[in-house]
Structure formats: structure tokens, C-alpha cells
Amino acid sequence: MKRSVLAVDRVLLLLLGVVLVVAGVAAVGWQIGFLTAVWPSAPDRLAVDTEPVTEASSYPLLLALAGVALVALGLWWLLAHLPRRSVGPLRLPAGDRAGRLTVDPGPAVAVAAEVLSEAPDVRSARGSVLRDRGELVVRLRTTVDPAADLPAVVAACDGVLEELAQVLPSERLRSRVEISVLREPAAAPRVQ
């Protein structure tokens, strides 16, 4: 979750909490008579006349706009809280100089997938870095021919991952290679 979303969450939840606590204390104080001791002119009952508001010609439009705004806010809130599996820049180990070094893993993994796709028996390869159960995972998806030499494909995958470990901070990354074997084409029907 982004820091801006966390900041909005904290401010809104703080305000909502304060409003709920004040409303709850006022409601309880009103029922037991404590509110009149603090606020002598507190009414015994509330009589709200809603006719001037609800019978105005602009009321349906304002209500519709408020509804659309609440729906948009609710959708934004839900989408902002969806768990993200993608990973942003990774921090590199500190060097001799002061400062912070980061690397974007996406292009490095894309190049590793391109290198892997050039290996013999490999039809295609795709790569990504994602967050899975609290771990950072480099995932390579490879598609091979049915007659492929699987030990050679596994060796090619190992080689690509070793090269990728030279670029990315490997002590924080795990790797997962998914090899899919294409199906053999079905035999063509014979004409008799």
C-alpha cells in the first residue's frame, strides 16, 4: 500500500473515530440527563423539518451528485486497499559512499526472459517479480516443445537465474521457474 493511501486512511479513521466517540458520548449523555448539565439549553426532543430541503427542485440532482461522489470514494478506497503483488524498486547493498541505491527489477527480469527464450527448445519465456507470502519471487514462465531436452532447458534456466543474481540483490529474492510443455498436435483424421 502506498504511503499516501496510508496517510489518508489514518486521517479519515482518526476523524471518523472522533466523530463516533463524540456522537456516542452525546447520545448517552442525552439519555441519562448529563447533557443538560453540561449544555443547559439542550433540547429534550429533536424536531427536524426536512420539507424545505427535500421539496427543493435541486434536491434530486444534489442527492444524485452526492451518491456518485460516495460511490467513487468507496471504489477508490477499495481499489487502494487491494493487495499488490508487483514489486517496486529494490534496495541494493550499501557501497563505499553514502546514499541509497535502488534497482527496478522489471527490466532486468524482462531481459533474462528474452535470453532464456533464445535457448534451444524454448519457444517463449516471460518473467516478473512479485510478492508472494511475504517473499520477493522472480518468476520465469517458459514454454517448450514436446520433444525438448528438459535437462538442457533446466540448465538454461539455472544459468539465466545465476546471471540475474549478479544484477538484483539475490539474498532477498527467491526464484520460481514454471515450464509448460506444448501439446503434440492431434493426428489428422484419415480419409478412407
N, C-alpha and C. Protein backbone atom coordinates (compact mmCIF):
# COMPACT_ATOMS: atom_id res chain seq x y z
N MET A 1 0.84 -1.16 0.00
CA MET A 1 0.00 0.00 0.00
C MET A 1 0.89 1.24 0.00
N LYS A 2 0.47 2.25 -0.74
CA LYS A 2 1.27 3.46 -0.84
C LYS A 2 1.18 4.28 0.44
N ARG A 3 2.19 5.11 0.64
CA ARG A 3 2.21 5.95 1.84
C ARG A 3 1.07 6.96 1.83
N SER A 4 0.73 7.47 0.64
CA SER A 4 -0.36 8.45 0.57
C SER A 4 -1.68 7.81 0.99
N VAL A 5 -1.91 6.55 0.59
CA VAL A 5 -3.14 5.86 0.98
C VAL A 5 -3.15 5.63 2.49
N LEU A 6 -2.00 5.25 3.04
CA LEU A 6 -1.92 5.06 4.49
C LEU A 6 -2.19 6.37 5.24
N ALA A 7 -1.66 7.47 4.73
CA ALA A 7 -1.88 8.76 5.38
C ALA A 7 -3.36 9.14 5.33
N VAL A 8 -4.00 8.95 4.17
CA VAL A 8 -5.43 9.26 4.06
C VAL A 8 -6.22 8.36 5.01
N ASP A 9 -5.86 7.07 5.05
CA ASP A 9 -6.54 6.13 5.95
C ASP A 9 -6.46 6.61 7.40
N ARG A 10 -5.29 6.96 7.81
CA ARG A 10 -5.10 7.34 9.21
C ARG A 10 -5.87 8.61 9.56
N VAL A 11 -5.85 9.59 8.67
CA VAL A 11 -6.56 10.84 8.95
C VAL A 11 -8.07 10.60 8.97
N LEU A 12 -8.58 9.87 7.95
CA LEU A 12 -10.02 9.62 7.90
C LEU A 12 -10.49 8.76 9.08
N LEU A 13 -9.71 7.75 9.42
CA LEU A 13 -10.10 6.92 10.55
C LEU A 13 -10.03 7.68 11.87
N LEU A 14 -9.06 8.57 12.01
CA LEU A 14 -8.99 9.40 13.21
C LEU A 14 -10.22 10.30 13.30
N LEU A 15 -10.56 10.98 12.20
CA LEU A 15 -11.73 11.85 12.20
C LEU A 15 -13.02 11.06 12.44
N LEU A 16 -13.15 9.93 11.78
CA LEU A 16 -14.34 9.10 11.97
C LEU A 16 -14.43 8.62 13.42
N GLY A 17 -13.31 8.23 13.98
CA GLY A 17 -13.29 7.79 15.37
C GLY A 17 -13.69 8.90 16.32
N VAL A 18 -13.17 10.09 16.11
CA VAL A 18 -13.51 11.22 16.98
C VAL A 18 -15.01 11.54 16.86
N VAL A 19 -15.53 11.56 15.64
CA VAL A 19 -16.95 11.85 15.43
C VAL A 19 -17.81 10.80 16.11
N LEU A 20 -17.45 9.52 15.96
CA LEU A 20 -18.24 8.46 16.59
C LEU A 20 -18.18 8.52 18.11
N VAL A 21 -17.02 8.81 18.67
CA VAL A 21 -16.90 8.91 20.13
C VAL A 21 -17.72 10.09 20.64
N VAL A 22 -17.62 11.24 19.99
CA VAL A 22 -18.39 12.42 20.43
C VAL A 22 -19.88 12.16 20.29
N ALA A 23 -20.31 11.59 19.18
CA ALA A 23 -21.73 11.29 18.99
C ALA A 23 -22.21 10.27 20.01
N GLY A 24 -21.42 9.26 20.28
CA GLY A 24 -21.80 8.26 21.28
C GLY A 24 -21.91 8.83 22.67
N VAL A 25 -20.93 9.64 23.07
CA VAL A 25 -20.97 10.26 24.39
C VAL A 25 -22.16 11.21 24.49
N ALA A 26 -22.42 11.98 23.42
CA ALA A 26 -23.56 12.90 23.44
C ALA A 26 -24.88 12.14 23.53
N ALA A 27 -24.99 11.03 22.79
CA ALA A 27 -26.24 10.26 22.82
C ALA A 27 -26.47 9.66 24.21
N VAL A 28 -25.43 9.09 24.79
CA VAL A 28 -25.57 8.52 26.13
C VAL A 28 -25.84 9.63 27.15
N GLY A 29 -25.12 10.72 27.04
CA GLY A 29 -25.32 11.84 27.96
C GLY A 29 -26.71 12.44 27.83
N TRP A 30 -27.27 12.47 26.64
CA TRP A 30 -28.61 12.99 26.41
C TRP A 30 -29.65 12.08 27.09
N GLN A 31 -29.44 10.78 26.99
CA GLN A 31 -30.41 9.83 27.55
C GLN A 31 -30.39 9.83 29.09
N ILE A 32 -29.22 9.98 29.68
CA ILE A 32 -29.16 9.92 31.16
C ILE A 32 -29.26 11.30 31.80
N GLY A 33 -29.40 12.34 30.99
CA GLY A 33 -29.58 13.68 31.53
C GLY A 33 -28.29 14.42 31.80
N PHE A 34 -27.17 13.86 31.46
CA PHE A 34 -25.87 14.51 31.69
C PHE A 34 -25.67 15.67 30.73
N LEU A 35 -26.23 15.57 29.52
CA LEU A 35 -26.03 16.61 28.51
C LEU A 35 -26.65 17.93 28.95
N THR A 36 -27.78 17.89 29.64
CA THR A 36 -28.41 19.14 30.10
C THR A 36 -27.59 19.80 31.20
N ALA A 37 -26.83 19.02 31.95
CA ALA A 37 -25.97 19.62 32.98
C ALA A 37 -24.81 20.36 32.33
N VAL A 38 -24.31 19.85 31.22
CA VAL A 38 -23.20 20.50 30.52
C VAL A 38 -23.71 21.58 29.58
N TRP A 39 -24.85 21.33 28.95
CA TRP A 39 -25.43 22.25 27.97
C TRP A 39 -26.88 22.51 28.39
N PRO A 40 -27.10 23.54 29.19
CA PRO A 40 -28.44 23.76 29.76
C PRO A 40 -29.54 23.94 28.73
N SER A 41 -29.23 24.47 27.57
CA SER A 41 -30.28 24.70 26.56
C SER A 41 -30.43 23.51 25.61
N ALA A 42 -29.94 22.33 25.99
CA ALA A 42 -30.08 21.14 25.15
C ALA A 42 -31.56 20.78 25.05
N PRO A 43 -32.06 20.51 23.84
CA PRO A 43 -33.48 20.19 23.68
C PRO A 43 -33.79 18.79 24.22
N ASP A 44 -35.04 18.64 24.68
CA ASP A 44 -35.48 17.32 25.14
C ASP A 44 -35.73 16.39 23.96
N ARG A 45 -36.25 16.93 22.88
CA ARG A 45 -36.51 16.16 21.66
C ARG A 45 -36.02 16.96 20.47
N LEU A 46 -35.75 16.25 19.39
CA LEU A 46 -35.34 16.91 18.15
C LEU A 46 -36.51 16.85 17.17
N ALA A 47 -36.88 17.99 16.68
CA ALA A 47 -37.91 18.07 15.64
C ALA A 47 -37.27 18.73 14.43
N VAL A 48 -36.96 17.92 13.44
CA VAL A 48 -36.27 18.42 12.25
C VAL A 48 -37.28 18.52 11.12
N ASP A 49 -37.39 19.68 10.53
CA ASP A 49 -38.29 19.90 9.40
C ASP A 49 -37.48 19.75 8.13
N THR A 50 -37.67 18.65 7.43
CA THR A 50 -36.89 18.37 6.22
C THR A 50 -37.58 18.83 4.95
N GLU A 51 -38.79 19.33 5.04
CA GLU A 51 -39.54 19.72 3.83
C GLU A 51 -38.85 20.82 3.02
N PRO A 52 -38.27 21.86 3.63
CA PRO A 52 -37.62 22.87 2.79
C PRO A 52 -36.47 22.30 1.96
N VAL A 53 -35.81 21.27 2.46
CA VAL A 53 -34.68 20.69 1.72
C VAL A 53 -35.18 19.68 0.70
N THR A 54 -36.04 18.76 1.12
CA THR A 54 -36.46 17.67 0.24
C THR A 54 -37.42 18.11 -0.85
N GLU A 55 -38.11 19.23 -0.68
CA GLU A 55 -39.04 19.68 -1.71
C GLU A 55 -38.42 20.70 -2.66
N ALA A 56 -37.16 21.03 -2.47
CA ALA A 56 -36.49 21.95 -3.38
C ALA A 56 -36.28 21.27 -4.73
N SER A 57 -36.29 22.06 -5.80
CA SER A 57 -36.16 21.49 -7.15
C SER A 57 -34.76 20.92 -7.40
N SER A 58 -33.75 21.41 -6.71
CA SER A 58 -32.38 20.92 -6.92
C SER A 58 -32.04 19.71 -6.04
N TYR A 59 -32.96 19.30 -5.17
CA TYR A 59 -32.68 18.20 -4.24
C TYR A 59 -32.32 16.89 -4.95
N PRO A 60 -33.07 16.43 -5.95
CA PRO A 60 -32.69 15.16 -6.61
C PRO A 60 -31.31 15.22 -7.26
N LEU A 61 -30.99 16.35 -7.87
CA LEU A 61 -29.67 16.49 -8.52
C LEU A 61 -28.56 16.47 -7.47
N LEU A 62 -28.73 17.20 -6.39
CA LEU A 62 -27.71 17.21 -5.34
C LEU A 62 -27.56 15.84 -4.70
N LEU A 63 -28.68 15.15 -4.50
CA LEU A 63 -28.63 13.81 -3.93
C LEU A 63 -27.92 12.84 -4.87
N ALA A 64 -28.19 12.97 -6.17
CA ALA A 64 -27.52 12.10 -7.15
C ALA A 64 -26.02 12.39 -7.18
N LEU A 65 -25.63 13.65 -7.15
CA LEU A 65 -24.21 14.01 -7.14
C LEU A 65 -23.52 13.50 -5.88
N ALA A 66 -24.19 13.62 -4.75
CA ALA A 66 -23.60 13.12 -3.50
C ALA A 66 -23.46 11.59 -3.57
N GLY A 67 -24.44 10.92 -4.15
CA GLY A 67 -24.36 9.46 -4.30
C GLY A 67 -23.21 9.05 -5.20
N VAL A 68 -23.05 9.74 -6.34
CA VAL A 68 -21.96 9.43 -7.26
C VAL A 68 -20.61 9.68 -6.57
N ALA A 69 -20.52 10.78 -5.82
CA ALA A 69 -19.26 11.08 -5.13
C ALA A 69 -18.95 10.01 -4.08
N LEU A 70 -19.97 9.54 -3.35
CA LEU A 70 -19.73 8.50 -2.36
C LEU A 70 -19.35 7.16 -3.00
N VAL A 71 -19.99 6.84 -4.12
CA VAL A 71 -19.63 5.60 -4.83
C VAL A 71 -18.19 5.69 -5.34
N ALA A 72 -17.81 6.83 -5.92
CA ALA A 72 -16.44 7.00 -6.42
C ALA A 72 -15.43 6.91 -5.28
N LEU A 73 -15.75 7.55 -4.15
CA LEU A 73 -14.85 7.48 -3.00
C LEU A 73 -14.75 6.06 -2.47
N GLY A 74 -15.86 5.35 -2.41
CA GLY A 74 -15.83 3.96 -1.95
C GLY A 74 -15.04 3.06 -2.87
N LEU A 75 -15.22 3.22 -4.19
CA LEU A 75 -14.44 2.40 -5.14
C LEU A 75 -12.96 2.72 -5.04
N TRP A 76 -12.62 4.00 -4.92
CA TRP A 76 -11.20 4.36 -4.78
C TRP A 76 -10.63 3.73 -3.52
N TRP A 77 -11.38 3.80 -2.44
CA TRP A 77 -10.92 3.25 -1.16
C TRP A 77 -10.68 1.75 -1.29
N LEU A 78 -11.63 1.03 -1.90
CA LEU A 78 -11.47 -0.42 -2.07
C LEU A 78 -10.29 -0.76 -2.97
N LEU A 79 -10.17 -0.06 -4.10
CA LEU A 79 -9.06 -0.34 -5.02
C LEU A 79 -7.71 0.00 -4.40
N ALA A 80 -7.66 1.03 -3.58
CA ALA A 80 -6.40 1.39 -2.94
C ALA A 80 -5.97 0.35 -1.92
N HIS A 81 -6.91 -0.44 -1.42
CA HIS A 81 -6.59 -1.44 -0.41
C HIS A 81 -6.42 -2.84 -0.97
N LEU A 82 -6.53 -3.00 -2.29
CA LEU A 82 -6.28 -4.31 -2.87
C LEU A 82 -4.80 -4.66 -2.70
N PRO A 83 -4.51 -5.88 -2.34
CA PRO A 83 -3.10 -6.25 -2.20
C PRO A 83 -2.41 -6.25 -3.56
N ARG A 84 -1.26 -5.67 -3.59
CA ARG A 84 -0.48 -5.60 -4.82
C ARG A 84 0.60 -6.67 -4.76
N ARG A 85 0.70 -7.43 -5.85
CA ARG A 85 1.74 -8.46 -5.89
C ARG A 85 2.99 -7.94 -6.59
N SER A 86 2.85 -6.84 -7.34
CA SER A 86 4.01 -6.33 -8.05
C SER A 86 4.97 -5.67 -7.06
N VAL A 87 6.18 -5.53 -7.49
CA VAL A 87 7.25 -5.03 -6.62
C VAL A 87 7.84 -3.78 -7.25
N GLY A 88 8.10 -2.80 -6.43
CA GLY A 88 8.74 -1.57 -6.89
C GLY A 88 10.25 -1.72 -6.87
N PRO A 89 10.95 -0.62 -6.86
CA PRO A 89 12.42 -0.67 -6.85
C PRO A 89 12.95 -1.41 -5.62
N LEU A 90 14.03 -2.19 -5.84
CA LEU A 90 14.67 -2.94 -4.76
C LEU A 90 15.93 -2.20 -4.32
N ARG A 91 16.18 -2.22 -3.04
CA ARG A 91 17.35 -1.55 -2.49
C ARG A 91 18.57 -2.44 -2.67
N LEU A 92 19.64 -1.86 -3.17
CA LEU A 92 20.90 -2.58 -3.35
C LEU A 92 21.74 -2.45 -2.09
N PRO A 93 22.66 -3.38 -1.88
CA PRO A 93 23.53 -3.27 -0.70
C PRO A 93 24.32 -1.97 -0.72
N ALA A 94 24.59 -1.44 0.47
CA ALA A 94 25.31 -0.17 0.59
C ALA A 94 26.74 -0.33 0.10
N GLY A 95 27.22 0.70 -0.52
CA GLY A 95 28.59 0.70 -1.02
C GLY A 95 29.48 1.55 -0.15
N ASP A 96 30.58 2.08 -0.74
CA ASP A 96 31.54 2.90 -0.01
C ASP A 96 30.95 4.28 0.31
N ARG A 97 30.12 4.79 -0.57
CA ARG A 97 29.64 6.15 -0.41
C ARG A 97 28.28 6.17 0.28
N ALA A 98 28.01 7.31 0.85
CA ALA A 98 26.70 7.48 1.50
C ALA A 98 25.62 7.62 0.43
N GLY A 99 24.45 7.19 0.74
CA GLY A 99 23.34 7.29 -0.20
C GLY A 99 22.61 5.97 -0.30
N ARG A 100 21.60 5.99 -1.13
CA ARG A 100 20.75 4.81 -1.27
C ARG A 100 20.70 4.43 -2.73
N LEU A 101 21.03 3.19 -3.03
CA LEU A 101 20.99 2.70 -4.40
C LEU A 101 19.81 1.75 -4.56
N THR A 102 19.04 1.94 -5.63
CA THR A 102 17.92 1.05 -5.90
C THR A 102 17.99 0.59 -7.35
N VAL A 103 17.33 -0.51 -7.61
CA VAL A 103 17.26 -1.04 -8.97
C VAL A 103 15.82 -1.45 -9.24
N ASP A 104 15.33 -1.14 -10.43
CA ASP A 104 14.00 -1.57 -10.84
C ASP A 104 14.14 -2.98 -11.40
N PRO A 105 13.52 -3.98 -10.77
CA PRO A 105 13.74 -5.37 -11.19
C PRO A 105 13.05 -5.74 -12.50
N GLY A 106 12.04 -4.98 -12.91
CA GLY A 106 11.26 -5.34 -14.11
C GLY A 106 12.10 -5.48 -15.37
N PRO A 107 12.86 -4.47 -15.76
CA PRO A 107 13.66 -4.59 -16.98
C PRO A 107 14.70 -5.71 -16.91
N ALA A 108 15.31 -5.92 -15.75
CA ALA A 108 16.32 -6.98 -15.62
C ALA A 108 15.69 -8.35 -15.83
N VAL A 109 14.51 -8.56 -15.26
CA VAL A 109 13.82 -9.84 -15.41
C VAL A 109 13.32 -10.01 -16.84
N ALA A 110 12.89 -8.92 -17.48
CA ALA A 110 12.45 -8.99 -18.88
C ALA A 110 13.61 -9.40 -19.79
N VAL A 111 14.79 -8.85 -19.55
CA VAL A 111 15.96 -9.23 -20.34
C VAL A 111 16.33 -10.68 -20.08
N ALA A 112 16.24 -11.12 -18.83
CA ALA A 112 16.53 -12.52 -18.51
C ALA A 112 15.56 -13.45 -19.24
N ALA A 113 14.29 -13.06 -19.34
CA ALA A 113 13.31 -13.87 -20.07
C ALA A 113 13.64 -13.90 -21.56
N GLU A 114 14.09 -12.76 -22.11
CA GLU A 114 14.48 -12.73 -23.52
C GLU A 114 15.67 -13.66 -23.78
N VAL A 115 16.65 -13.64 -22.88
CA VAL A 115 17.82 -14.52 -23.02
C VAL A 115 17.38 -15.97 -22.95
N LEU A 116 16.49 -16.28 -22.04
CA LEU A 116 16.00 -17.65 -21.89
C LEU A 116 15.21 -18.09 -23.12
N SER A 117 14.47 -17.18 -23.74
CA SER A 117 13.67 -17.55 -24.91
C SER A 117 14.55 -17.86 -26.11
N GLU A 118 15.82 -17.45 -26.09
CA GLU A 118 16.74 -17.75 -27.19
C GLU A 118 17.42 -19.10 -27.02
N ALA A 119 17.20 -19.76 -25.89
CA ALA A 119 17.80 -21.08 -25.66
C ALA A 119 17.15 -22.11 -26.59
N PRO A 120 17.91 -23.17 -26.96
CA PRO A 120 17.33 -24.20 -27.81
C PRO A 120 16.14 -24.87 -27.10
N ASP A 121 15.16 -25.28 -27.84
CA ASP A 121 13.96 -25.97 -27.38
C ASP A 121 12.98 -25.06 -26.62
N VAL A 122 13.32 -23.80 -26.40
CA VAL A 122 12.43 -22.89 -25.69
C VAL A 122 11.68 -22.07 -26.73
N ARG A 123 10.36 -22.16 -26.69
CA ARG A 123 9.53 -21.39 -27.62
C ARG A 123 9.37 -19.95 -27.16
N SER A 124 9.06 -19.77 -25.86
CA SER A 124 8.87 -18.42 -25.33
C SER A 124 9.16 -18.43 -23.83
N ALA A 125 9.42 -17.23 -23.32
CA ALA A 125 9.66 -17.07 -21.88
C ALA A 125 9.20 -15.68 -21.47
N ARG A 126 8.61 -15.62 -20.29
CA ARG A 126 8.19 -14.35 -19.70
C ARG A 126 8.68 -14.32 -18.27
N GLY A 127 8.93 -13.13 -17.77
CA GLY A 127 9.41 -13.03 -16.40
C GLY A 127 8.74 -11.90 -15.65
N SER A 128 8.69 -12.04 -14.34
CA SER A 128 8.14 -10.98 -13.49
C SER A 128 8.71 -11.15 -12.09
N VAL A 129 8.62 -10.07 -11.32
CA VAL A 129 8.99 -10.10 -9.91
C VAL A 129 7.72 -9.78 -9.15
N LEU A 130 7.38 -10.62 -8.18
CA LEU A 130 6.16 -10.40 -7.42
C LEU A 130 6.39 -10.72 -5.95
N ARG A 131 5.43 -10.29 -5.15
CA ARG A 131 5.48 -10.55 -3.72
C ARG A 131 4.51 -11.70 -3.45
N ASP A 132 5.03 -12.79 -2.91
CA ASP A 132 4.21 -13.98 -2.66
C ASP A 132 4.46 -14.44 -1.23
N ARG A 133 3.44 -14.34 -0.38
CA ARG A 133 3.51 -14.74 1.03
C ARG A 133 4.69 -14.09 1.76
N GLY A 134 4.88 -12.82 1.51
CA GLY A 134 5.92 -12.07 2.21
C GLY A 134 7.31 -12.19 1.61
N GLU A 135 7.46 -12.98 0.57
CA GLU A 135 8.77 -13.16 -0.08
C GLU A 135 8.76 -12.49 -1.44
N LEU A 136 9.92 -11.99 -1.85
CA LEU A 136 10.07 -11.48 -3.21
C LEU A 136 10.47 -12.64 -4.11
N VAL A 137 9.72 -12.84 -5.18
CA VAL A 137 9.93 -14.01 -6.03
C VAL A 137 10.13 -13.57 -7.48
N VAL A 138 11.21 -14.07 -8.10
CA VAL A 138 11.41 -13.91 -9.53
C VAL A 138 10.74 -15.11 -10.19
N ARG A 139 9.74 -14.85 -11.02
CA ARG A 139 9.02 -15.94 -11.67
C ARG A 139 9.30 -15.91 -13.16
N LEU A 140 9.84 -17.01 -13.65
CA LEU A 140 10.07 -17.18 -15.08
C LEU A 140 9.10 -18.24 -15.60
N ARG A 141 8.33 -17.89 -16.61
CA ARG A 141 7.41 -18.84 -17.25
C ARG A 141 7.96 -19.17 -18.61
N THR A 142 8.18 -20.45 -18.83
CA THR A 142 8.81 -20.91 -20.05
C THR A 142 7.90 -21.91 -20.76
N THR A 143 7.82 -21.81 -22.06
CA THR A 143 7.08 -22.77 -22.88
C THR A 143 8.08 -23.48 -23.77
N VAL A 144 8.04 -24.83 -23.76
CA VAL A 144 9.00 -25.62 -24.55
C VAL A 144 8.24 -26.56 -25.48
N ASP A 145 8.97 -27.07 -26.47
CA ASP A 145 8.42 -28.05 -27.40
C ASP A 145 8.26 -29.40 -26.71
N PRO A 146 7.36 -30.25 -27.23
CA PRO A 146 7.18 -31.57 -26.61
C PRO A 146 8.43 -32.44 -26.66
N ALA A 147 9.25 -32.26 -27.66
CA ALA A 147 10.46 -33.07 -27.80
C ALA A 147 11.68 -32.39 -27.18
N ALA A 148 11.46 -31.40 -26.35
CA ALA A 148 12.58 -30.63 -25.78
C ALA A 148 13.38 -31.48 -24.80
N ASP A 149 14.67 -31.16 -24.74
CA ASP A 149 15.56 -31.80 -23.78
C ASP A 149 15.40 -31.05 -22.45
N LEU A 150 14.59 -31.60 -21.54
CA LEU A 150 14.27 -30.88 -20.31
C LEU A 150 15.49 -30.60 -19.44
N PRO A 151 16.46 -31.53 -19.29
CA PRO A 151 17.65 -31.16 -18.51
C PRO A 151 18.40 -29.96 -19.11
N ALA A 152 18.43 -29.85 -20.44
CA ALA A 152 19.08 -28.69 -21.06
C ALA A 152 18.29 -27.41 -20.80
N VAL A 153 16.96 -27.51 -20.80
CA VAL A 153 16.13 -26.33 -20.52
C VAL A 153 16.32 -25.91 -19.06
N VAL A 154 16.37 -26.86 -18.15
CA VAL A 154 16.58 -26.55 -16.73
C VAL A 154 17.96 -25.91 -16.55
N ALA A 155 18.96 -26.42 -17.24
CA ALA A 155 20.31 -25.83 -17.15
C ALA A 155 20.30 -24.40 -17.68
N ALA A 156 19.55 -24.15 -18.78
CA ALA A 156 19.46 -22.79 -19.31
C ALA A 156 18.77 -21.87 -18.30
N CYS A 157 17.73 -22.37 -17.64
CA CYS A 157 17.04 -21.58 -16.62
C CYS A 157 17.97 -21.26 -15.45
N ASP A 158 18.74 -22.26 -15.02
CA ASP A 158 19.70 -22.03 -13.93
C ASP A 158 20.73 -20.98 -14.31
N GLY A 159 21.22 -21.06 -15.54
CA GLY A 159 22.21 -20.08 -16.00
C GLY A 159 21.66 -18.67 -16.02
N VAL A 160 20.43 -18.52 -16.51
CA VAL A 160 19.79 -17.20 -16.55
C VAL A 160 19.59 -16.66 -15.13
N LEU A 161 19.16 -17.53 -14.21
CA LEU A 161 18.96 -17.08 -12.83
C LEU A 161 20.27 -16.70 -12.15
N GLU A 162 21.36 -17.41 -12.49
CA GLU A 162 22.67 -17.04 -11.93
C GLU A 162 23.10 -15.66 -12.42
N GLU A 163 22.87 -15.39 -13.72
CA GLU A 163 23.21 -14.08 -14.25
C GLU A 163 22.33 -12.99 -13.65
N LEU A 164 21.06 -13.32 -13.43
CA LEU A 164 20.14 -12.36 -12.84
C LEU A 164 20.53 -12.04 -11.39
N ALA A 165 21.10 -13.01 -10.69
CA ALA A 165 21.55 -12.79 -9.31
C ALA A 165 22.71 -11.80 -9.24
N GLN A 166 23.42 -11.61 -10.36
CA GLN A 166 24.51 -10.63 -10.39
C GLN A 166 23.97 -9.20 -10.45
N VAL A 167 22.72 -9.05 -10.94
CA VAL A 167 22.14 -7.73 -11.13
C VAL A 167 21.24 -7.33 -9.96
N LEU A 168 20.44 -8.27 -9.49
CA LEU A 168 19.47 -7.99 -8.42
C LEU A 168 20.02 -8.43 -7.07
N PRO A 169 19.56 -7.83 -5.98
CA PRO A 169 20.01 -8.27 -4.65
C PRO A 169 19.46 -9.67 -4.36
N SER A 170 20.25 -10.69 -4.64
CA SER A 170 19.78 -12.07 -4.62
C SER A 170 19.47 -12.59 -3.22
N GLU A 171 20.03 -11.99 -2.16
CA GLU A 171 19.76 -12.50 -0.82
C GLU A 171 18.31 -12.27 -0.41
N ARG A 172 17.62 -11.35 -1.09
CA ARG A 172 16.22 -11.08 -0.76
C ARG A 172 15.26 -11.73 -1.73
N LEU A 173 15.75 -12.34 -2.79
CA LEU A 173 14.87 -12.88 -3.82
C LEU A 173 14.88 -14.41 -3.82
N ARG A 174 13.73 -14.95 -4.09
CA ARG A 174 13.58 -16.38 -4.36
C ARG A 174 13.25 -16.50 -5.84
N SER A 175 13.37 -17.69 -6.38
CA SER A 175 13.05 -17.85 -7.80
C SER A 175 12.09 -19.01 -8.00
N ARG A 176 11.28 -18.88 -9.03
CA ARG A 176 10.35 -19.92 -9.40
C ARG A 176 10.35 -20.00 -10.92
N VAL A 177 10.58 -21.19 -11.43
CA VAL A 177 10.56 -21.41 -12.87
C VAL A 177 9.41 -22.35 -13.17
N GLU A 178 8.53 -21.92 -14.07
CA GLU A 178 7.40 -22.72 -14.49
C GLU A 178 7.62 -23.10 -15.95
N ILE A 179 7.75 -24.40 -16.19
CA ILE A 179 7.99 -24.90 -17.55
C ILE A 179 6.71 -25.55 -18.05
N SER A 180 6.18 -25.03 -19.15
CA SER A 180 4.99 -25.59 -19.77
C SER A 180 5.42 -26.28 -21.06
N VAL A 181 4.95 -27.51 -21.23
CA VAL A 181 5.26 -28.27 -22.43
C VAL A 181 4.06 -28.19 -23.37
N LEU A 182 4.33 -27.78 -24.61
CA LEU A 182 3.25 -27.71 -25.59
C LEU A 182 2.72 -29.10 -25.88
N ARG A 183 1.44 -29.18 -26.21
CA ARG A 183 0.85 -30.47 -26.56
C ARG A 183 1.23 -30.84 -27.97
N GLU A 184 1.30 -32.14 -28.19
CA GLU A 184 1.56 -32.62 -29.55
C GLU A 184 0.30 -32.37 -30.36
N PRO A 185 0.43 -31.97 -31.60
CA PRO A 185 -0.76 -31.78 -32.41
C PRO A 185 -1.47 -33.11 -32.61
N ALA A 186 -2.78 -33.09 -32.57
CA ALA A 186 -3.55 -34.31 -32.78
C ALA A 186 -3.34 -34.81 -34.21
N ALA A 187 -3.36 -36.12 -34.33
CA ALA A 187 -3.17 -36.71 -35.67
C ALA A 187 -4.36 -36.33 -36.55
N ALA A 188 -4.05 -36.02 -37.80
CA ALA A 188 -5.09 -35.64 -38.73
C ALA A 188 -5.95 -36.86 -39.05
N PRO A 189 -7.27 -36.68 -39.19
CA PRO A 189 -8.13 -37.82 -39.50
C PRO A 189 -7.83 -38.37 -40.90
N ARG A 190 -7.90 -39.67 -41.01
CA ARG A 190 -7.64 -40.30 -42.31
C ARG A 190 -8.91 -40.34 -43.14
N VAL A 191 -8.71 -40.09 -44.39
CA VAL A 191 -9.84 -40.19 -45.31
C VAL A 191 -9.78 -41.56 -45.96
N GLN A 192 -10.88 -42.27 -45.89
CA GLN A 192 -10.88 -43.63 -46.49
C GLN A 192 -11.64 -43.67 -47.77
